[in-house]
Protein backbone atom coordinates (compact mmCIF):
# COMPACT_ATOMS: atom_id res chain seq x y z
CA MET A 1 2.19 25.61 29.49
CA LYS A 2 2.56 22.01 30.49
CA ARG A 3 0.69 22.21 33.86
CA LEU A 4 -2.67 23.54 31.74
CA ALA A 5 -2.28 20.84 28.72
CA LYS A 6 -1.87 18.28 31.60
CA LYS A 7 -4.95 19.71 33.42
CA VAL A 8 -6.92 19.19 29.98
CA LEU A 9 -5.85 16.09 29.67
CA HIS A 10 -6.78 14.62 32.93
CA SER A 11 -9.80 16.00 33.56
CA LEU A 12 -10.83 14.66 29.76
CA TRP A 13 -9.79 11.41 31.02
CA ARG A 14 -12.02 11.58 34.25
CA GLY A 15 -14.71 12.82 32.42
CA GLU A 16 -17.71 11.69 30.35
CA GLU A 17 -17.00 14.68 28.01
CA GLY A 18 -13.35 13.12 27.60
CA GLN A 19 -14.97 9.78 26.74
CA ASP A 20 -17.04 11.20 24.21
CA LEU A 21 -14.26 12.58 22.44
CA VAL A 22 -12.48 9.65 21.93
CA GLU A 23 -14.91 7.43 21.15
CA TYR A 24 -16.18 10.35 18.11
CA THR A 25 -12.05 10.32 17.49
CA LEU A 26 -11.67 6.32 16.97
CA LEU A 27 -14.96 6.67 15.05
CA MET A 28 -13.25 9.15 12.64
CA VAL A 29 -9.69 7.11 12.37
CA LEU A 30 -12.28 4.20 11.32
CA VAL A 31 -13.97 5.76 8.66
CA ALA A 32 -10.91 7.39 7.66
CA LEU A 33 -8.77 4.08 7.33
CA GLY A 34 -12.38 2.72 5.06
CA ALA A 35 -11.88 5.65 2.84
CA ILE A 36 -8.51 5.82 2.39
CA ALA A 37 -8.64 2.00 1.50
CA THR A 38 -11.62 2.75 -0.97
CA ILE A 39 -10.47 5.45 -2.86
CA HIS A 40 -6.64 2.95 -2.79
CA HIS A 41 -9.15 0.38 -4.59
CA LEU A 42 -10.65 2.15 -7.05
CA ALA A 43 -7.57 3.70 -7.94
CA GLU A 44 -6.28 0.78 -8.98
CA HIS A 45 -8.96 -0.33 -10.96
CA ILE A 46 -9.47 2.98 -13.03
CA GLU A 47 -5.62 2.56 -13.81
CA ARG A 48 -6.23 -1.05 -15.36
CA ALA A 49 -9.57 1.05 -17.38
CA PHE A 50 -7.44 3.94 -18.44
CA GLY A 51 -4.09 1.38 -19.54
CA ARG A 52 -6.59 -0.26 -21.40
CA THR A 53 -7.85 2.07 -23.03
CA ALA A 54 -4.96 3.63 -23.95
CA GLU A 55 -4.32 -0.07 -25.52
CA HIS A 56 -7.10 0.24 -27.79
CA LEU A 57 -6.41 3.49 -28.83
CA ALA A 58 -2.57 3.19 -29.37
CA PRO A 59 -1.83 3.20 -33.22
CA ARG A 60 -0.80 -0.16 -34.15
CA ASN A 61 2.56 -0.93 -36.83
CA PHE A 62 1.42 -3.48 -39.09
CA ASP A 63 4.81 -3.95 -41.17
């Protein structure tokens, strides 16, 4: 099994197909990181908006 994996990795490293695979993988990682950063940023803004809304809807005591 190790030999097969080593042989496949070696052929991918030397061949152009491997280069394409690496490029697509790097592109997918870059897109995933961008999506994670965007979602994190949006989550903070959504959390703040819901927090402000909850503050406005909370009953106030006027003792």
